[in-house]
């Protein structure tokens, strides 16, 4: 009876064990994507001061930077690692939009697209209930 219980417990862990290599890959993608985009956000904030741009750009850049720094610490679990990976890839698109907008390469009207992108990224970073962001890793 004891061996049967142990076997049943082990059987419940098989899906997580099979998904572990993909989860670890997703964790690396998520961590480095968010870290890289946080660095881009910091550089863009520095460029506001270095290029003597209007301080109003900080209204766009500071929340972007804070959001990317917060994303660096999200937990990647076995069930939703693909959603987290989608969010990490999506943050590259949003960061590109923010960079192009803040450097006046494209129209300021694209701020609407960047806000919609942030909503998609935030949605993929939420847990399955949609109530709370994922917990801090470690």
N, C-alpha and C. Protein backbone atom coordinates (compact mmCIF):
# COMPACT_ATOMS: atom_id res chain seq x y z
N UNK A 1 0.82 -1.18 0.00
CA UNK A 1 0.00 0.00 0.00
C UNK A 1 0.88 1.26 0.00
N UNK A 2 1.95 1.25 0.77
CA UNK A 2 2.85 2.39 0.87
C UNK A 2 3.55 2.63 -0.48
N UNK A 3 3.98 1.56 -1.13
CA UNK A 3 4.65 1.69 -2.42
C UNK A 3 3.66 2.22 -3.47
N UNK A 4 2.43 1.77 -3.41
CA UNK A 4 1.41 2.25 -4.35
C UNK A 4 1.16 3.74 -4.17
N UNK A 5 1.11 4.20 -2.93
CA UNK A 5 0.93 5.63 -2.67
C UNK A 5 2.10 6.44 -3.21
N UNK A 6 3.32 5.93 -3.02
CA UNK A 6 4.50 6.64 -3.54
C UNK A 6 4.47 6.70 -5.06
N UNK A 7 4.05 5.59 -5.68
CA UNK A 7 3.94 5.56 -7.13
C UNK A 7 2.90 6.55 -7.64
N UNK A 8 1.78 6.63 -6.94
CA UNK A 8 0.73 7.58 -7.33
C UNK A 8 1.21 9.02 -7.17
N UNK A 9 1.97 9.31 -6.12
CA UNK A 9 2.53 10.65 -5.93
C UNK A 9 3.53 10.99 -7.02
N UNK A 10 4.37 10.01 -7.37
CA UNK A 10 5.34 10.24 -8.44
C UNK A 10 4.64 10.48 -9.78
N UNK A 11 3.56 9.76 -10.02
CA UNK A 11 2.82 9.91 -11.26
C UNK A 11 2.25 11.32 -11.42
N UNK A 12 1.91 11.95 -10.31
CA UNK A 12 1.39 13.33 -10.37
C UNK A 12 2.47 14.33 -10.75
N UNK A 13 3.74 14.00 -10.50
CA UNK A 13 4.83 14.94 -10.80
C UNK A 13 5.40 14.77 -12.21
N UNK A 14 4.99 13.73 -12.93
CA UNK A 14 5.55 13.46 -14.26
C UNK A 14 5.35 14.63 -15.24
N UNK A 15 4.16 15.25 -15.33
CA UNK A 15 4.03 16.37 -16.28
C UNK A 15 4.99 17.53 -15.98
N UNK A 16 5.21 17.84 -14.72
CA UNK A 16 6.15 18.91 -14.37
C UNK A 16 7.57 18.52 -14.73
N UNK A 17 7.94 17.27 -14.51
CA UNK A 17 9.29 16.81 -14.84
C UNK A 17 9.53 16.85 -16.35
N UNK A 18 8.52 16.50 -17.12
CA UNK A 18 8.66 16.55 -18.57
C UNK A 18 8.74 17.98 -19.10
N UNK A 19 8.05 18.90 -18.44
CA UNK A 19 8.03 20.30 -18.88
C UNK A 19 9.22 21.11 -18.35
N UNK A 20 10.02 20.53 -17.47
CA UNK A 20 11.10 21.29 -16.82
C UNK A 20 12.13 21.86 -17.80
N UNK A 21 12.63 21.12 -18.80
CA UNK A 21 13.60 21.74 -19.72
C UNK A 21 13.03 22.96 -20.46
N UNK A 22 11.80 22.87 -20.92
CA UNK A 22 11.17 24.01 -21.59
C UNK A 22 10.95 25.17 -20.62
N UNK A 23 10.58 24.87 -19.38
CA UNK A 23 10.37 25.90 -18.38
C UNK A 23 11.67 26.64 -18.09
N UNK A 24 12.78 25.89 -17.98
CA UNK A 24 14.07 26.54 -17.74
C UNK A 24 14.47 27.42 -18.91
N UNK A 25 14.22 26.96 -20.13
CA UNK A 25 14.51 27.77 -21.31
C UNK A 25 13.66 29.05 -21.29
N UNK A 26 12.39 28.89 -20.98
CA UNK A 26 11.51 30.06 -20.88
C UNK A 26 11.97 31.00 -19.79
N UNK A 27 12.44 30.45 -18.67
CA UNK A 27 12.91 31.30 -17.58
C UNK A 27 14.11 32.14 -18.01
N UNK A 28 15.04 31.54 -18.75
CA UNK A 28 16.19 32.30 -19.25
C UNK A 28 15.74 33.39 -20.23
N UNK A 29 14.84 33.04 -21.13
CA UNK A 29 14.35 34.01 -22.11
C UNK A 29 13.66 35.17 -21.41
N UNK A 30 12.80 34.85 -20.45
CA UNK A 30 12.05 35.88 -19.72
C UNK A 30 13.00 36.77 -18.93
N UNK A 31 13.89 36.17 -18.18
CA UNK A 31 14.80 36.95 -17.34
C UNK A 31 15.66 37.89 -18.16
N UNK A 32 16.31 37.38 -19.20
CA UNK A 32 17.22 38.23 -19.97
C UNK A 32 16.48 39.22 -20.85
N UNK A 33 15.30 38.88 -21.31
CA UNK A 33 14.52 39.84 -22.10
C UNK A 33 14.14 41.04 -21.25
N UNK A 34 13.61 40.78 -20.07
CA UNK A 34 13.20 41.88 -19.20
C UNK A 34 14.40 42.68 -18.72
N UNK A 35 15.50 42.02 -18.39
CA UNK A 35 16.71 42.75 -17.96
C UNK A 35 17.23 43.64 -19.08
N UNK A 36 17.27 43.10 -20.28
CA UNK A 36 17.75 43.89 -21.42
C UNK A 36 16.88 45.10 -21.69
N UNK A 37 15.58 44.92 -21.60
CA UNK A 37 14.69 46.04 -21.85
C UNK A 37 14.70 47.06 -20.72
N UNK A 38 14.99 46.60 -19.50
CA UNK A 38 15.17 47.56 -18.39
C UNK A 38 16.41 48.41 -18.65
N UNK A 39 17.46 47.80 -19.18
CA UNK A 39 18.67 48.56 -19.52
C UNK A 39 18.37 49.56 -20.64
N UNK A 40 17.59 49.15 -21.63
CA UNK A 40 17.21 50.07 -22.71
C UNK A 40 16.41 51.24 -22.13
N UNK A 41 15.49 50.95 -21.21
CA UNK A 41 14.72 52.01 -20.57
C UNK A 41 15.60 53.00 -19.83
N UNK A 42 16.61 52.47 -19.13
CA UNK A 42 17.53 53.35 -18.41
C UNK A 42 18.33 54.23 -19.38
N UNK A 43 18.74 53.64 -20.49
CA UNK A 43 19.48 54.41 -21.50
C UNK A 43 18.60 55.50 -22.10
N UNK A 44 17.34 55.18 -22.36
CA UNK A 44 16.43 56.18 -22.91
C UNK A 44 16.21 57.34 -21.94
N UNK A 45 16.12 57.03 -20.65
CA UNK A 45 15.98 58.09 -19.65
C UNK A 45 17.24 58.94 -19.63
N UNK A 46 18.40 58.30 -19.72
CA UNK A 46 19.65 59.06 -19.75
C UNK A 46 19.73 59.93 -21.01
N UNK A 47 19.20 59.43 -22.12
CA UNK A 47 19.22 60.22 -23.36
C UNK A 47 18.33 61.45 -23.27
N UNK A 48 17.28 61.39 -22.48
CA UNK A 48 16.43 62.57 -22.30
C UNK A 48 17.28 63.72 -21.74
N UNK A 49 18.12 63.38 -20.79
CA UNK A 49 18.97 64.42 -20.20
C UNK A 49 20.18 64.71 -21.07
N UNK A 50 20.75 63.68 -21.69
CA UNK A 50 21.94 63.87 -22.52
C UNK A 50 21.67 64.64 -23.80
N UNK A 51 20.51 64.42 -24.39
CA UNK A 51 20.17 65.12 -25.63
C UNK A 51 19.39 66.40 -25.38
N UNK A 52 19.24 66.73 -24.12
CA UNK A 52 18.52 67.94 -23.70
C UNK A 52 17.11 67.95 -24.30
N UNK A 53 16.42 66.82 -24.14
CA UNK A 53 15.05 66.69 -24.61
C UNK A 53 14.10 67.21 -23.53
N UNK A 54 12.85 67.34 -23.87
CA UNK A 54 11.84 67.79 -22.93
C UNK A 54 11.68 66.75 -21.81
N UNK A 55 11.52 67.24 -20.59
CA UNK A 55 11.35 66.34 -19.45
C UNK A 55 10.00 65.62 -19.50
N UNK A 56 9.10 66.06 -20.37
CA UNK A 56 7.81 65.39 -20.51
C UNK A 56 7.96 63.96 -21.01
N UNK A 57 9.06 63.67 -21.68
CA UNK A 57 9.27 62.30 -22.13
C UNK A 57 9.41 61.34 -20.96
N UNK A 58 9.78 61.86 -19.80
CA UNK A 58 9.90 61.00 -18.62
C UNK A 58 8.55 60.43 -18.20
N UNK A 59 7.45 61.09 -18.58
CA UNK A 59 6.11 60.57 -18.29
C UNK A 59 5.91 59.24 -19.02
N UNK A 60 6.51 59.07 -20.16
CA UNK A 60 6.45 57.82 -20.91
C UNK A 60 7.55 56.85 -20.47
N UNK A 61 8.75 57.37 -20.26
CA UNK A 61 9.90 56.50 -20.05
C UNK A 61 10.02 55.93 -18.65
N UNK A 62 9.67 56.71 -17.64
CA UNK A 62 9.81 56.20 -16.26
C UNK A 62 8.86 55.04 -15.99
N UNK A 63 7.57 55.12 -16.35
CA UNK A 63 6.72 53.93 -16.15
C UNK A 63 7.20 52.72 -16.97
N UNK A 64 7.72 52.98 -18.17
CA UNK A 64 8.27 51.89 -18.98
C UNK A 64 9.44 51.24 -18.25
N UNK A 65 10.33 52.05 -17.72
CA UNK A 65 11.49 51.53 -17.00
C UNK A 65 11.07 50.76 -15.75
N UNK A 66 10.15 51.32 -14.99
CA UNK A 66 9.67 50.66 -13.76
C UNK A 66 8.99 49.33 -14.11
N UNK A 67 8.20 49.33 -15.17
CA UNK A 67 7.54 48.09 -15.59
C UNK A 67 8.52 47.01 -16.01
N UNK A 68 9.56 47.39 -16.73
CA UNK A 68 10.54 46.40 -17.15
C UNK A 68 11.38 45.90 -15.99
N UNK A 69 11.70 46.77 -15.04
CA UNK A 69 12.43 46.32 -13.86
C UNK A 69 11.57 45.35 -13.05
N UNK A 70 10.29 45.66 -12.91
CA UNK A 70 9.39 44.76 -12.17
C UNK A 70 9.27 43.42 -12.89
N UNK A 71 9.30 43.42 -14.19
CA UNK A 71 9.20 42.18 -14.95
C UNK A 71 10.41 41.28 -14.79
N UNK A 72 11.55 41.85 -14.40
CA UNK A 72 12.76 41.05 -14.20
C UNK A 72 12.58 40.02 -13.10
N UNK A 73 11.67 40.24 -12.19
CA UNK A 73 11.54 39.40 -11.01
C UNK A 73 10.32 38.48 -11.04
N UNK A 74 9.71 38.30 -12.20
CA UNK A 74 8.55 37.43 -12.25
C UNK A 74 8.97 35.96 -12.23
N UNK A 75 8.10 35.16 -11.68
CA UNK A 75 8.35 33.72 -11.57
C UNK A 75 7.81 33.03 -12.83
N UNK A 76 8.57 32.09 -13.34
CA UNK A 76 8.16 31.33 -14.51
C UNK A 76 7.82 29.93 -14.02
N UNK A 77 6.53 29.60 -14.02
CA UNK A 77 6.12 28.28 -13.55
C UNK A 77 5.90 27.33 -14.72
N UNK A 78 5.73 26.06 -14.41
CA UNK A 78 5.64 25.02 -15.44
C UNK A 78 4.36 25.15 -16.27
N UNK A 79 3.27 25.60 -15.66
CA UNK A 79 2.00 25.65 -16.38
C UNK A 79 1.93 26.81 -17.37
N UNK A 80 2.49 27.94 -17.02
CA UNK A 80 2.31 29.14 -17.84
C UNK A 80 3.62 29.69 -18.40
N UNK A 81 4.61 28.83 -18.56
CA UNK A 81 5.89 29.35 -19.04
C UNK A 81 5.81 29.87 -20.46
N UNK A 82 4.92 29.32 -21.27
CA UNK A 82 4.79 29.82 -22.65
C UNK A 82 4.16 31.21 -22.67
N UNK A 83 3.22 31.47 -21.77
CA UNK A 83 2.63 32.81 -21.68
C UNK A 83 3.68 33.82 -21.24
N UNK A 84 4.51 33.43 -20.29
CA UNK A 84 5.58 34.33 -19.84
C UNK A 84 6.57 34.61 -20.95
N UNK A 85 6.86 33.58 -21.74
CA UNK A 85 7.77 33.76 -22.88
C UNK A 85 7.15 34.70 -23.91
N UNK A 86 5.86 34.57 -24.17
CA UNK A 86 5.17 35.47 -25.09
C UNK A 86 5.25 36.91 -24.59
N UNK A 87 5.05 37.09 -23.27
CA UNK A 87 5.15 38.43 -22.70
C UNK A 87 6.55 39.01 -22.82
N UNK A 88 7.56 38.16 -22.63
CA UNK A 88 8.94 38.62 -22.74
C UNK A 88 9.29 39.02 -24.16
N UNK A 89 8.78 38.30 -25.12
CA UNK A 89 9.02 38.67 -26.52
C UNK A 89 8.22 39.91 -26.87
N UNK A 90 7.02 40.02 -26.32
CA UNK A 90 6.19 41.20 -26.56
C UNK A 90 6.79 42.47 -25.99
N UNK A 91 7.53 42.33 -24.89
CA UNK A 91 8.14 43.53 -24.29
C UNK A 91 9.20 44.11 -25.22
N UNK A 92 9.81 43.30 -26.08
CA UNK A 92 10.77 43.82 -27.05
C UNK A 92 10.07 44.73 -28.06
N UNK A 93 8.89 44.33 -28.50
CA UNK A 93 8.13 45.14 -29.45
C UNK A 93 7.71 46.45 -28.80
N UNK A 94 7.21 46.36 -27.56
CA UNK A 94 6.78 47.57 -26.85
C UNK A 94 7.97 48.49 -26.61
N UNK A 95 9.10 47.93 -26.22
CA UNK A 95 10.29 48.76 -25.97
C UNK A 95 10.77 49.42 -27.25
N UNK A 96 10.67 48.71 -28.36
CA UNK A 96 11.05 49.32 -29.64
C UNK A 96 10.13 50.49 -29.96
N UNK A 97 8.83 50.31 -29.74
CA UNK A 97 7.89 51.41 -29.97
C UNK A 97 8.21 52.60 -29.07
N UNK A 98 8.45 52.33 -27.79
CA UNK A 98 8.75 53.42 -26.85
C UNK A 98 10.03 54.14 -27.26
N UNK A 99 11.04 53.39 -27.67
CA UNK A 99 12.30 54.02 -28.09
C UNK A 99 12.09 54.88 -29.33
N UNK A 100 11.37 54.36 -30.31
CA UNK A 100 11.14 55.14 -31.53
C UNK A 100 10.28 56.37 -31.28
N UNK A 101 9.32 56.24 -30.38
CA UNK A 101 8.48 57.40 -30.04
C UNK A 101 9.30 58.45 -29.31
N UNK A 102 10.06 58.03 -28.31
CA UNK A 102 10.79 59.00 -27.50
C UNK A 102 11.93 59.66 -28.25
N UNK A 103 12.45 59.00 -29.27
CA UNK A 103 13.50 59.60 -30.10
C UNK A 103 12.93 60.35 -31.29
N UNK A 104 11.60 60.49 -31.34
CA UNK A 104 10.87 61.22 -32.39
C UNK A 104 11.10 60.65 -33.79
N UNK A 105 11.30 59.35 -33.87
CA UNK A 105 11.43 58.71 -35.17
C UNK A 105 10.06 58.45 -35.77
N UNK A 106 9.10 58.10 -34.91
CA UNK A 106 7.72 57.90 -35.36
C UNK A 106 6.81 58.85 -34.58
N UNK A 107 5.58 58.96 -35.03
CA UNK A 107 4.62 59.90 -34.45
C UNK A 107 4.28 59.56 -33.00
N UNK A 108 3.93 60.58 -32.26
CA UNK A 108 3.53 60.39 -30.86
C UNK A 108 2.21 59.64 -30.75
N UNK A 109 1.48 59.55 -31.82
CA UNK A 109 0.22 58.80 -31.80
C UNK A 109 0.45 57.32 -31.53
N UNK A 110 1.65 56.85 -31.76
CA UNK A 110 1.97 55.45 -31.50
C UNK A 110 2.04 55.14 -30.01
N UNK A 111 1.92 56.15 -29.16
CA UNK A 111 1.84 55.91 -27.72
C UNK A 111 0.63 55.03 -27.41
N UNK A 112 -0.42 55.17 -28.19
CA UNK A 112 -1.61 54.33 -28.01
C UNK A 112 -1.26 52.86 -28.27
N UNK A 113 -0.47 52.62 -29.31
CA UNK A 113 -0.05 51.25 -29.62
C UNK A 113 0.86 50.71 -28.52
N UNK A 114 1.73 51.57 -27.98
CA UNK A 114 2.61 51.13 -26.89
C UNK A 114 1.80 50.79 -25.64
N UNK A 115 0.77 51.59 -25.35
CA UNK A 115 -0.09 51.29 -24.20
C UNK A 115 -0.84 49.99 -24.40
N UNK A 116 -1.33 49.75 -25.60
CA UNK A 116 -2.01 48.48 -25.88
C UNK A 116 -1.03 47.31 -25.77
N UNK A 117 0.18 47.52 -26.22
CA UNK A 117 1.21 46.48 -26.09
C UNK A 117 1.52 46.17 -24.64
N UNK A 118 1.58 47.22 -23.81
CA UNK A 118 1.84 46.99 -22.38
C UNK A 118 0.68 46.22 -21.76
N UNK A 119 -0.54 46.46 -22.21
CA UNK A 119 -1.69 45.70 -21.68
C UNK A 119 -1.56 44.22 -22.04
N UNK A 120 -1.15 43.93 -23.26
CA UNK A 120 -0.96 42.54 -23.67
C UNK A 120 0.17 41.88 -22.88
N UNK A 121 1.26 42.60 -22.70
CA UNK A 121 2.39 42.06 -21.94
C UNK A 121 1.99 41.83 -20.49
N UNK A 122 1.29 42.78 -19.90
CA UNK A 122 0.85 42.61 -18.51
C UNK A 122 -0.13 41.45 -18.39
N UNK A 123 -0.99 41.28 -19.37
CA UNK A 123 -1.93 40.17 -19.34
C UNK A 123 -1.24 38.82 -19.40
N UNK A 124 -0.17 38.72 -20.17
CA UNK A 124 0.54 37.44 -20.24
C UNK A 124 1.42 37.21 -19.02
N UNK A 125 1.65 38.25 -18.22
CA UNK A 125 2.45 38.10 -17.01
C UNK A 125 1.61 37.87 -15.78
N UNK A 126 0.30 37.83 -15.94
CA UNK A 126 -0.59 37.59 -14.81
C UNK A 126 -0.78 36.09 -14.62
N UNK A 127 -1.17 35.70 -13.41
CA UNK A 127 -1.45 34.28 -13.18
C UNK A 127 -2.78 33.89 -13.80
N UNK A 128 -3.15 32.63 -13.69
CA UNK A 128 -4.34 32.12 -14.39
C UNK A 128 -5.64 32.74 -13.90
N UNK A 129 -5.68 33.21 -12.65
CA UNK A 129 -6.89 33.85 -12.17
C UNK A 129 -7.00 35.27 -12.66
N UNK A 130 -5.87 35.88 -13.05
CA UNK A 130 -5.88 37.24 -13.53
C UNK A 130 -5.97 38.26 -12.41
N UNK A 131 -5.86 37.81 -11.16
CA UNK A 131 -6.05 38.71 -10.03
C UNK A 131 -4.74 39.35 -9.58
N UNK A 132 -3.69 38.61 -9.48
CA UNK A 132 -2.45 39.13 -8.95
C UNK A 132 -1.31 38.82 -9.90
N UNK A 133 -0.29 39.69 -9.95
CA UNK A 133 0.89 39.37 -10.75
C UNK A 133 1.61 38.17 -10.13
N UNK A 134 2.41 37.53 -10.92
CA UNK A 134 3.15 36.38 -10.41
C UNK A 134 4.11 36.81 -9.33
N UNK A 135 4.40 35.91 -8.43
CA UNK A 135 5.24 36.22 -7.28
C UNK A 135 6.69 36.43 -7.65
N UNK A 136 7.43 36.97 -6.70
CA UNK A 136 8.85 37.23 -6.90
C UNK A 136 9.61 35.91 -6.84
N UNK A 137 10.53 35.75 -7.75
CA UNK A 137 11.33 34.53 -7.80
C UNK A 137 12.30 34.52 -6.64
N UNK A 138 12.49 33.33 -6.09
CA UNK A 138 13.41 33.04 -4.98
C UNK A 138 13.02 33.75 -3.77
